[in-house]
Amino acid sequence: MRTIRGGRTPRLRITATALFVLAVLGAPFLAPAARAQGKEGEIWVGYYQPDASAMDSDISFGLRSLFRAPDGLGFGVELGYVSVSGEATSGGVTGSLDWDAFFLDGIFDLPIGHSKKAAPSFFFGTGLAFANVDSKVEGRIGSINVDDLDGTSFTVQAGFDVKFTVGEHFYLRPAARVRWFEARGGEDLDTEYVLGFGRSF
């Protein structure tokens, strides 16, 4: 059995355009808090479905924080984490893969309704995914382990949610979104279904 350990060099290319987009979207987070109408803090859990057919779906979770401008536009940050695995067999060779990633995103939320009890909105964001991969390939002549391959990817997400008010300050937020990865090949669009529980301040 052979074991290969990856270094800490990112696997993908972060282009100048991607960095420019991150800088532009990050600018609102530096605005004074006095300009915001209110803010929201949320913890969420999700069901993550990788685009890659060999990978299994699994649970994701994270935190979300938004500031609301007087016109209702929301902007903020989101942290997320997911860990998935999968296995594929071809001929006499079996390959297994464990993939986990931390996400750091800037988020914009665009309300499309004014109901106090149920407020739908579109949201989109962009950020970075910090991933770690462990894999193993087994065949007739032995096996090869590849451990601790780290990579960083520019990602873009977009989705739809509805915020249901619970009492005066709390809310539930079911949502669905897709996430695109700049670093991948053809299988670059993951899907996630989220349920968030939060508080408005």
C-alpha atoms as a PDB file:
ATOM      1  CA  MET A   1       0.000   0.000   0.000  1.00  0.00           C
ATOM      2  CA  ARG A   2       1.303   3.453  -0.917  1.00  0.00           C
ATOM      3  CA  THR A   3       0.318   6.687   0.813  1.00  0.00           C
ATOM      4  CA  ILE A   4       0.683  10.069  -0.834  1.00  0.00           C
ATOM      5  CA  ARG A   5       0.286  13.209   1.222  1.00  0.00           C
ATOM      6  CA  GLY A   6      -0.582  16.449  -0.427  1.00  0.00           C
ATOM      7  CA  GLY A   7       0.952  19.741   0.533  1.00  0.00           C
ATOM      8  CA  ARG A   8      -0.760  22.988   1.394  1.00  0.00           C
ATOM      9  CA  THR A   9      -0.576  24.393  -2.143  1.00  0.00           C
ATOM     10  CA  PRO A  10      -4.064  25.320  -3.481  1.00  0.00           C
ATOM     11  CA  ARG A  11      -5.216  23.137  -6.339  1.00  0.00           C
ATOM     12  CA  LEU A  12      -6.901  25.884  -8.279  1.00  0.00           C
ATOM     13  CA  ARG A  13      -6.447  29.196  -9.852  1.00  0.00           C
ATOM     14  CA  ILE A  14      -7.887  32.305  -8.172  1.00  0.00           C
ATOM     15  CA  THR A  15      -8.061  34.762 -11.030  1.00  0.00           C
ATOM     16  CA  ALA A  16      -7.675  38.532 -10.813  1.00  0.00           C
ATOM     17  CA  THR A  17     -11.307  38.849 -11.885  1.00  0.00           C
ATOM     18  CA  ALA A  18     -12.466  36.667  -9.000  1.00  0.00           C
ATOM     19  CA  LEU A  19     -10.508  38.753  -6.504  1.00  0.00           C
ATOM     20  CA  PHE A  20     -11.940  41.954  -7.970  1.00  0.00           C
ATOM     21  CA  VAL A  21     -15.494  40.599  -7.621  1.00  0.00           C
ATOM     22  CA  LEU A  22     -14.823  39.641  -3.997  1.00  0.00           C
ATOM     23  CA  ALA A  23     -13.518  43.134  -3.264  1.00  0.00           C
ATOM     24  CA  VAL A  24     -16.561  44.793  -4.828  1.00  0.00           C
ATOM     25  CA  LEU A  25     -19.040  42.573  -3.004  1.00  0.00           C
ATOM     26  CA  GLY A  26     -17.151  42.957   0.257  1.00  0.00           C
ATOM     27  CA  ALA A  27     -17.287  46.751   0.174  1.00  0.00           C
ATOM     28  CA  PRO A  28     -20.804  47.040   1.688  1.00  0.00           C
ATOM     29  CA  PHE A  29     -19.640  45.162   4.791  1.00  0.00           C
ATOM     30  CA  LEU A  30     -17.426  48.140   5.624  1.00  0.00           C
ATOM     31  CA  ALA A  31     -20.402  50.546   5.657  1.00  0.00           C
ATOM     32  CA  PRO A  32     -21.269  52.090   9.041  1.00  0.00           C
ATOM     33  CA  ALA A  33     -23.833  50.122  11.029  1.00  0.00           C
ATOM     34  CA  ALA A  34     -25.906  53.303  11.359  1.00  0.00           C
ATOM     35  CA  ARG A  35     -26.880  52.972   7.705  1.00  0.00           C
ATOM     36  CA  ALA A  36     -28.611  49.657   8.362  1.00  0.00           C
ATOM     37  CA  GLN A  37     -32.266  49.397   9.344  1.00  0.00           C
ATOM     38  CA  GLY A  38     -31.720  46.206  11.327  1.00  0.00           C
ATOM     39  CA  LYS A  39     -29.785  42.995  11.357  1.00  0.00           C
ATOM     40  CA  GLU A  40     -30.419  39.257  11.429  1.00  0.00           C
ATOM     41  CA  GLY A  41     -28.422  36.405  12.943  1.00  0.00           C
ATOM     42  CA  GLU A  42     -29.127  32.820  11.926  1.00  0.00           C
ATOM     43  CA  ILE A  43     -28.000  29.239  12.342  1.00  0.00           C
ATOM     44  CA  TRP A  44     -28.940  26.819   9.583  1.00  0.00           C
ATOM     45  CA  VAL A  45     -28.806  23.149   8.638  1.00  0.00           C
ATOM     46  CA  GLY A  46     -28.936  21.855   5.086  1.00  0.00           C
ATOM     47  CA  TYR A  47     -29.132  18.820   2.834  1.00  0.00           C
ATOM     48  CA  TYR A  48     -26.174  19.021   0.441  1.00  0.00           C
ATOM     49  CA  GLN A  49     -26.269  17.268  -2.943  1.00  0.00           C
ATOM     50  CA  PRO A  50     -22.938  17.221  -4.835  1.00  0.00           C
ATOM     51  CA  ASP A  51     -23.039  17.437  -8.618  1.00  0.00           C
ATOM     52  CA  ALA A  52     -20.558  14.586  -8.887  1.00  0.00           C
ATOM     53  CA  SER A  53     -22.638  11.391  -9.292  1.00  0.00           C
ATOM     54  CA  ALA A  54     -20.135   9.277  -7.327  1.00  0.00           C
ATOM     55  CA  MET A  55     -20.559  11.433  -4.208  1.00  0.00           C
ATOM     56  CA  ASP A  56     -23.338  10.874  -1.650  1.00  0.00           C
ATOM     57  CA  SER A  57     -25.545  13.639  -0.260  1.00  0.00           C
ATOM     58  CA  ASP A  58     -25.051  14.641   3.369  1.00  0.00           C
ATOM     59  CA  ILE A  59     -25.887  17.192   6.058  1.00  0.00           C
ATOM     60  CA  SER A  60     -24.408  20.700   5.980  1.00  0.00           C
ATOM     61  CA  PHE A  61     -24.642  23.490   8.540  1.00  0.00           C
ATOM     62  CA  GLY A  62     -23.551  27.039   9.116  1.00  0.00           C
ATOM     63  CA  LEU A  63     -24.116  30.609  10.309  1.00  0.00           C
ATOM     64  CA  ARG A  64     -25.539  33.648   8.510  1.00  0.00           C
ATOM     65  CA  SER A  65     -25.536  37.331   9.449  1.00  0.00           C
ATOM     66  CA  LEU A  66     -27.282  40.092   7.484  1.00  0.00           C
ATOM     67  CA  PHE A  67     -27.731  43.838   7.749  1.00  0.00           C
ATOM     68  CA  ARG A  68     -30.902  45.337   6.295  1.00  0.00           C
ATOM     69  CA  ALA A  69     -30.845  48.682   4.486  1.00  0.00           C
ATOM     70  CA  PRO A  70     -33.912  50.974   4.761  1.00  0.00           C
ATOM     71  CA  ASP A  71     -35.164  49.726   1.370  1.00  0.00           C
ATOM     72  CA  GLY A  72     -35.083  46.106   2.606  1.00  0.00           C
ATOM     73  CA  LEU A  73     -31.941  45.018   0.754  1.00  0.00           C
ATOM     74  CA  GLY A  74     -29.892  42.651   2.880  1.00  0.00           C
ATOM     75  CA  PHE A  75     -26.123  42.208   2.777  1.00  0.00           C
ATOM     76  CA  GLY A  76     -23.855  40.182   5.022  1.00  0.00           C
ATOM     77  CA  VAL A  77     -21.681  37.116   5.412  1.00  0.00           C
ATOM     78  CA  GLU A  78     -22.226  33.383   5.681  1.00  0.00           C
ATOM     79  CA  LEU A  79     -20.070  30.553   6.992  1.00  0.00           C
ATOM     80  CA  GLY A  80     -20.811  26.946   6.077  1.00  0.00           C
ATOM     81  CA  TYR A  81     -19.382  23.448   6.354  1.00  0.00           C
ATOM     82  CA  VAL A  82     -20.105  20.135   4.644  1.00  0.00           C
ATOM     83  CA  SER A  83     -18.443  16.715   4.566  1.00  0.00           C
ATOM     84  CA  VAL A  84     -19.414  14.146   1.921  1.00  0.00           C
ATOM     85  CA  SER A  85     -18.015  10.852   0.674  1.00  0.00           C
ATOM     86  CA  GLY A  86     -18.486   8.463  -2.201  1.00  0.00           C
ATOM     87  CA  GLU A  87     -17.306   5.288  -3.875  1.00  0.00           C
ATOM     88  CA  ALA A  88     -17.108   4.087  -7.462  1.00  0.00           C
ATOM     89  CA  THR A  89     -16.079   0.752  -9.005  1.00  0.00           C
ATOM     90  CA  SER A  90     -14.793   0.192 -12.516  1.00  0.00           C
ATOM     91  CA  GLY A  91     -13.573  -3.249 -13.551  1.00  0.00           C
ATOM     92  CA  GLY A  92     -11.358  -4.533 -10.764  1.00  0.00           C
ATOM     93  CA  VAL A  93     -10.608  -1.087  -9.332  1.00  0.00           C
ATOM     94  CA  THR A  94     -12.546   0.597  -6.508  1.00  0.00           C
ATOM     95  CA  GLY A  95     -12.061   4.235  -5.633  1.00  0.00           C
ATOM     96  CA  SER A  96     -13.327   6.041  -2.533  1.00  0.00           C
ATOM     97  CA  LEU A  97     -13.287   9.757  -1.795  1.00  0.00           C
ATOM     98  CA  ASP A  98     -13.881  11.909   1.298  1.00  0.00           C
ATOM     99  CA  TRP A  99     -14.415  15.632   0.618  1.00  0.00           C
ATOM    100  CA  ASP A 100     -15.043  18.321   3.213  1.00  0.00           C
ATOM    101  CA  ALA A 101     -15.193  22.066   2.721  1.00  0.00           C
ATOM    102  CA  PHE A 102     -15.568  25.312   4.655  1.00  0.00           C
ATOM    103  CA  PHE A 103     -17.377  28.119   2.832  1.00  0.00           C
ATOM    104  CA  LEU A 104     -16.965  31.855   3.384  1.00  0.00           C
ATOM    105  CA  ASP A 105     -19.417  33.927   1.327  1.00  0.00           C
ATOM    106  CA  GLY A 106     -20.604  37.485   0.938  1.00  0.00           C
ATOM    107  CA  ILE A 107     -24.419  37.452   0.585  1.00  0.00           C
ATOM    108  CA  PHE A 108     -26.972  39.820  -0.961  1.00  0.00           C
ATOM    109  CA  ASP A 109     -30.683  39.273  -0.211  1.00  0.00           C
ATOM    110  CA  LEU A 110     -33.339  40.864  -2.457  1.00  0.00           C
ATOM    111  CA  PRO A 111     -36.881  40.787  -0.943  1.00  0.00           C
ATOM    112  CA  ILE A 112     -39.728  40.451  -3.454  1.00  0.00           C
ATOM    113  CA  GLY A 113     -42.623  40.793  -0.994  1.00  0.00           C
ATOM    114  CA  HIS A 114     -43.695  42.983   1.934  1.00  0.00           C
ATOM    115  CA  SER A 115     -45.677  40.554   4.071  1.00  0.00           C
ATOM    116  CA  LYS A 116     -44.694  40.595   7.733  1.00  0.00           C
ATOM    117  CA  LYS A 117     -45.508  36.893   8.163  1.00  0.00           C
ATOM    118  CA  ALA A 118     -43.993  35.397   4.995  1.00  0.00           C
ATOM    119  CA  ALA A 119     -41.361  37.365   3.034  1.00  0.00           C
ATOM    120  CA  PRO A 120     -39.933  35.668  -0.108  1.00  0.00           C
ATOM    121  CA  SER A 121     -36.613  36.780  -1.559  1.00  0.00           C
ATOM    122  CA  PHE A 122     -33.895  35.928  -4.029  1.00  0.00           C
ATOM    123  CA  PHE A 123     -30.338  35.804  -2.767  1.00  0.00           C
ATOM    124  CA  PHE A 124     -26.942  35.442  -4.331  1.00  0.00           C
ATOM    125  CA  GLY A 125     -23.388  35.486  -3.134  1.00  0.00           C
ATOM    126  CA  THR A 126     -19.781  34.822  -3.921  1.00  0.00           C
ATOM    127  CA  GLY A 127     -16.843  33.673  -1.856  1.00  0.00           C
ATOM    128  CA  LEU A 128     -14.276  30.966  -1.289  1.00  0.00           C
ATOM    129  CA  ALA A 129     -14.449  27.249  -0.558  1.00  0.00           C
ATOM    130  CA  PHE A 130     -11.566  25.763   1.434  1.00  0.00           C
ATOM    131  CA  ALA A 131     -11.587  22.022   0.711  1.00  0.00           C
ATOM    132  CA  ASN A 132      -9.722  18.940   1.909  1.00  0.00           C
ATOM    133  CA  VAL A 133      -9.706  15.618   0.038  1.00  0.00           C
ATOM    134  CA  ASP A 134      -8.729  12.104   1.128  1.00  0.00           C
ATOM    135  CA  SER A 135      -8.970   9.309  -1.444  1.00  0.00           C
ATOM    136  CA  LYS A 136      -8.130   5.635  -1.787  1.00  0.00           C
ATOM    137  CA  VAL A 137      -7.840   3.444  -4.878  1.00  0.00           C
ATOM    138  CA  GLU A 138      -7.824  -0.346  -4.467  1.00  0.00           C
ATOM    139  CA  GLY A 139      -7.066  -2.885  -7.191  1.00  0.00           C
ATOM    140  CA  ARG A 140      -5.714  -6.341  -7.762  1.00  0.00           C
ATOM    141  CA  ILE A 141      -2.115  -5.330  -7.074  1.00  0.00           C
ATOM    142  CA  GLY A 142      -2.699  -3.269  -3.918  1.00  0.00           C
ATOM    143  CA  SER A 143      -3.978   0.119  -2.913  1.00  0.00           C
ATOM    144  CA  ILE A 144      -2.927   3.771  -2.962  1.00  0.00           C
ATOM    145  CA  ASN A 145      -3.973   6.350  -0.375  1.00  0.00           C
ATOM    146  CA  VAL A 146      -3.919  10.069  -1.105  1.00  0.00           C
ATOM    147  CA  ASP A 147      -4.354  12.106   2.099  1.00  0.00           C
ATOM    148  CA  ASP A 148      -4.729  15.766   2.974  1.00  0.00           C
ATOM    149  CA  LEU A 149      -4.958  17.322  -0.476  1.00  0.00           C
ATOM    150  CA  ASP A 150      -5.983  20.928   0.211  1.00  0.00           C
ATOM    151  CA  GLY A 151      -7.503  23.319  -2.294  1.00  0.00           C
ATOM    152  CA  THR A 152      -9.213  26.698  -2.481  1.00  0.00           C
ATOM    153  CA  SER A 153     -11.958  27.500  -4.981  1.00  0.00           C
ATOM    154  CA  PHE A 154     -13.812  30.643  -5.973  1.00  0.00           C
ATOM    155  CA  THR A 155     -17.566  29.914  -5.768  1.00  0.00           C
ATOM    156  CA  VAL A 156     -20.827  31.625  -6.709  1.00  0.00           C
ATOM    157  CA  GLN A 157     -24.236  30.760  -5.256  1.00  0.00           C
ATOM    158  CA  ALA A 158     -27.832  31.761  -6.011  1.00  0.00           C
ATOM    159  CA  GLY A 159     -31.140  30.723  -4.494  1.00  0.00           C
ATOM    160  CA  PHE A 160     -34.655  31.462  -3.295  1.00  0.00           C
ATOM    161  CA  ASP A 161     -36.006  31.546   0.263  1.00  0.00           C
ATOM    162  CA  VAL A 162     -39.068  32.511   2.304  1.00  0.00           C
ATOM    163  CA  LYS A 163     -38.718  34.011   5.773  1.00  0.00           C
ATOM    164  CA  PHE A 164     -41.597  33.074   8.108  1.00  0.00           C
ATOM    165  CA  THR A 165     -41.894  35.295  11.170  1.00  0.00           C
ATOM    166  CA  VAL A 166     -42.317  33.464  14.493  1.00  0.00           C
ATOM    167  CA  GLY A 167     -43.332  35.837  17.284  1.00  0.00           C
ATOM    168  CA  GLU A 168     -41.883  39.343  17.333  1.00  0.00           C
ATOM    169  CA  HIS A 169     -38.208  38.681  16.678  1.00  0.00           C
ATOM    170  CA  PHE A 170     -37.650  35.101  15.515  1.00  0.00           C
ATOM    171  CA  TYR A 171     -38.054  33.506  12.080  1.00  0.00           C
ATOM    172  CA  LEU A 172     -37.727  30.283  10.089  1.00  0.00           C
ATOM    173  CA  ARG A 173     -36.165  30.409   6.630  1.00  0.00           C
ATOM    174  CA  PRO A 174     -36.490  27.448   4.229  1.00  0.00           C
ATOM    175  CA  ALA A 175     -34.306  27.932   1.151  1.00  0.00           C
ATOM    176  CA  ALA A 176     -32.941  26.200  -1.937  1.00  0.00           C
ATOM    177  CA  ARG A 177     -29.761  27.173  -3.762  1.00  0.00           C
ATOM    178  CA  VAL A 178     -27.140  26.080  -6.254  1.00  0.00           C
ATOM    179  CA  ARG A 179     -23.381  26.616  -5.888  1.00  0.00           C
ATOM    180  CA  TRP A 180     -20.864  26.814  -8.733  1.00  0.00           C
ATOM    181  CA  PHE A 181     -17.157  26.000  -8.283  1.00  0.00           C
ATOM    182  CA  GLU A 182     -14.543  27.687 -10.457  1.00  0.00           C
ATOM    183  CA  ALA A 183     -11.975  24.963  -9.723  1.00  0.00           C
ATOM    184  CA  ARG A 184     -13.918  21.958 -10.953  1.00  0.00           C
ATOM    185  CA  GLY A 185     -14.350  20.463 -14.398  1.00  0.00           C
ATOM    186  CA  GLY A 186     -17.753  19.454 -15.741  1.00  0.00           C
ATOM    187  CA  GLU A 187     -19.370  18.532 -12.420  1.00  0.00           C
ATOM    188  CA  ASP A 188     -19.270  22.011 -10.921  1.00  0.00           C
ATOM    189  CA  LEU A 189     -22.846  22.783  -9.773  1.00  0.00           C
ATOM    190  CA  ASP A 190     -23.961  21.517  -6.325  1.00  0.00           C
ATOM    191  CA  THR A 191     -27.475  21.837  -4.873  1.00  0.00           C
ATOM    192  CA  GLU A 192     -28.418  22.535  -1.255  1.00  0.00           C
ATOM    193  CA  TYR A 193     -31.724  22.694   0.654  1.00  0.00           C
ATOM    194  CA  VAL A 194     -31.544  24.748   3.837  1.00  0.00           C
ATOM    195  CA  LEU A 195     -33.665  25.426   6.912  1.00  0.00           C
ATOM    196  CA  GLY A 196     -32.515  28.381   8.969  1.00  0.00           C
ATOM    197  CA  PHE A 197     -33.616  29.572  12.407  1.00  0.00           C
ATOM    198  CA  GLY A 198     -32.775  33.147  13.248  1.00  0.00           C
ATOM    199  CA  ARG A 199     -33.489  36.313  15.153  1.00  0.00           C
ATOM    200  CA  SER A 200     -34.050  39.888  13.951  1.00  0.00           C
ATOM    201  CA  PHE A 201     -32.531  42.721  15.985  1.00  0.00           C
END
